[in-house]
């Protein structure tokens, strides 16, 4: 609620909540431009806004999410343009193929995001505990 603000009664009904908006504290939505680092691609902000919605019917589904412009470089991941299976300049080689193991997927994702960080894409590295 600190991010999205207090849900409306309609949003609460869509979530099958047992409470009403009157039962909840009145919070205003947090400004999206203060959530993301300066330089974050607008596609990333738009994707987050479309995924983080109270009403499940208003959220993007998996297919819509993968079709979102934020993932326009997803074919690079599949072909290995982030380093694995590329010519080193980010150009996919024919026949590079999809990763065959979880470890290989993880390696490609790590290289892909390292490349994004190196190019100053506005995406910050996340450390998991």
Protein backbone atom coordinates (compact mmCIF):
# COMPACT_ATOMS: atom_id res chain seq x y z
CA UNK A 1 0.00 0.00 0.00
CA UNK A 2 2.93 2.33 0.56
CA UNK A 3 3.72 2.00 -3.14
CA UNK A 4 0.27 1.81 -4.75
CA UNK A 5 -1.76 3.73 -2.18
CA UNK A 6 -4.97 2.57 -0.53
CA UNK A 7 -6.91 0.25 -2.82
CA UNK A 8 -10.44 1.19 -3.82
CA UNK A 9 -13.41 -0.92 -2.83
CA UNK A 10 -13.58 -2.23 -6.41
CA UNK A 11 -9.91 -3.28 -6.26
CA UNK A 12 -10.47 -4.96 -2.92
CA UNK A 13 -13.45 -6.86 -4.32
CA UNK A 14 -11.36 -8.01 -7.28
CA UNK A 15 -8.83 -9.41 -4.81
CA UNK A 16 -11.64 -11.03 -2.81
CA UNK A 17 -10.56 -9.10 0.28
CA UNK A 18 -12.63 -9.37 3.43
CA UNK A 19 -12.25 -5.66 4.20
CA UNK A 20 -13.31 -2.39 2.59
CA UNK A 21 -11.27 0.69 1.77
CA UNK A 22 -12.71 2.32 4.90
CA UNK A 23 -11.01 -0.36 7.01
CA UNK A 24 -7.57 0.59 5.70
CA UNK A 25 -5.32 3.58 6.34
CA UNK A 26 -5.54 6.32 3.69
CA UNK A 27 -2.27 6.31 1.79
CA UNK A 28 -1.42 8.15 -1.40
CA UNK A 29 0.52 6.28 -4.10
CA UNK A 30 4.29 6.78 -3.99
CA UNK A 31 5.56 8.62 -7.10
CA UNK A 32 6.97 6.13 -9.60
CA UNK A 33 9.74 8.53 -10.60
CA UNK A 34 11.10 8.32 -7.03
CA UNK A 35 11.09 4.52 -6.96
CA UNK A 36 13.52 3.92 -9.80
CA UNK A 37 17.05 5.24 -10.21
CA UNK A 38 17.64 8.14 -12.58
CA UNK A 39 18.20 6.78 -16.05
CA UNK A 40 16.00 3.73 -15.61
CA UNK A 41 14.58 2.86 -19.02
CA UNK A 42 10.98 4.08 -19.35
CA UNK A 43 10.05 0.57 -20.51
CA UNK A 44 11.14 -0.80 -17.12
CA UNK A 45 8.99 1.69 -15.24
CA UNK A 46 6.02 0.98 -17.51
CA UNK A 47 6.42 -2.77 -17.02
CA UNK A 48 6.49 -2.39 -13.24
CA UNK A 49 3.39 -0.21 -13.32
CA UNK A 50 1.53 -2.76 -15.43
CA UNK A 51 2.54 -5.66 -13.18
CA UNK A 52 2.02 -4.01 -9.81
CA UNK A 53 -1.72 -3.53 -9.76
CA UNK A 54 -4.20 -4.52 -7.10
CA UNK A 55 -6.81 -5.84 -9.53
CA UNK A 56 -5.51 -9.15 -10.93
CA UNK A 57 -7.52 -8.65 -14.13
CA UNK A 58 -5.63 -5.41 -14.77
CA UNK A 59 -2.16 -6.96 -14.43
CA UNK A 60 -0.22 -8.20 -17.43
CA UNK A 61 -0.30 -11.96 -17.81
CA UNK A 62 2.85 -13.95 -18.61
CA UNK A 63 2.48 -13.68 -22.40
CA UNK A 64 1.74 -9.96 -22.25
CA UNK A 65 4.71 -9.47 -19.94
CA UNK A 66 7.11 -11.26 -22.27
CA UNK A 67 5.73 -9.25 -25.22
CA UNK A 68 6.33 -5.96 -23.38
CA UNK A 69 8.93 -3.62 -25.01
CA UNK A 70 11.18 -3.99 -21.94
CA UNK A 71 11.99 -7.49 -23.15
CA UNK A 72 12.84 -6.43 -26.71
CA UNK A 73 16.37 -7.77 -26.18
CA UNK A 74 15.11 -11.14 -24.91
CA UNK A 75 16.12 -12.83 -28.20
CA UNK A 76 19.67 -11.77 -27.35
CA UNK A 77 19.45 -13.90 -24.22
CA UNK A 78 18.17 -16.90 -26.11
CA UNK A 79 20.82 -16.62 -28.79
CA UNK A 80 23.56 -15.80 -26.30
CA UNK A 81 24.29 -12.25 -27.41
CA UNK A 82 25.11 -11.31 -23.84
CA UNK A 83 28.42 -13.13 -24.17
CA UNK A 84 27.78 -16.85 -24.32
CA UNK A 85 27.38 -17.97 -27.92
CA UNK A 86 28.12 -14.57 -29.42
CA UNK A 87 31.00 -13.18 -31.43
CA UNK A 88 32.13 -11.11 -28.44
CA UNK A 89 30.66 -7.93 -29.92
CA UNK A 90 27.15 -8.89 -28.89
CA UNK A 91 26.16 -10.29 -32.28
CA UNK A 92 24.49 -13.69 -32.00
CA UNK A 93 26.12 -16.52 -33.87
CA UNK A 94 23.92 -18.86 -35.84
CA UNK A 95 23.31 -22.12 -34.07
CA UNK A 96 24.26 -20.81 -30.64
CA UNK A 97 21.20 -22.62 -29.28
CA UNK A 98 19.31 -22.26 -26.07
CA UNK A 99 20.90 -23.01 -22.70
CA UNK A 100 20.71 -26.65 -21.78
CA UNK A 101 20.94 -26.30 -18.01
CA UNK A 102 19.92 -24.04 -15.17
CA UNK A 103 23.56 -23.13 -14.61
CA UNK A 104 23.92 -22.05 -18.24
CA UNK A 105 20.75 -19.92 -18.01
CA UNK A 106 22.08 -18.31 -14.86
CA UNK A 107 25.42 -17.64 -16.54
CA UNK A 108 23.72 -16.01 -19.54
CA UNK A 109 21.46 -13.90 -17.36
CA UNK A 110 24.42 -12.75 -15.24
CA UNK A 111 26.35 -11.76 -18.37
CA UNK A 112 23.30 -10.07 -19.88
CA UNK A 113 22.71 -7.90 -16.80
CA UNK A 114 26.43 -7.22 -16.40
CA UNK A 115 26.35 -5.91 -19.97
CA UNK A 116 23.33 -3.72 -19.13
CA UNK A 117 25.12 -2.36 -16.05
CA UNK A 118 28.28 -1.67 -18.03
CA UNK A 119 26.28 0.34 -20.57
CA UNK A 120 24.73 2.46 -17.82
CA UNK A 121 21.18 1.29 -18.43
CA UNK A 122 19.92 2.55 -15.07
CA UNK A 123 19.43 -0.97 -13.79
CA UNK A 124 21.10 -1.47 -10.44
CA UNK A 125 22.57 -4.75 -9.29
CA UNK A 126 20.46 -6.58 -6.73
CA UNK A 127 22.11 -8.54 -3.96
CA UNK A 128 20.16 -11.43 -2.49
CA UNK A 129 20.56 -12.49 1.11
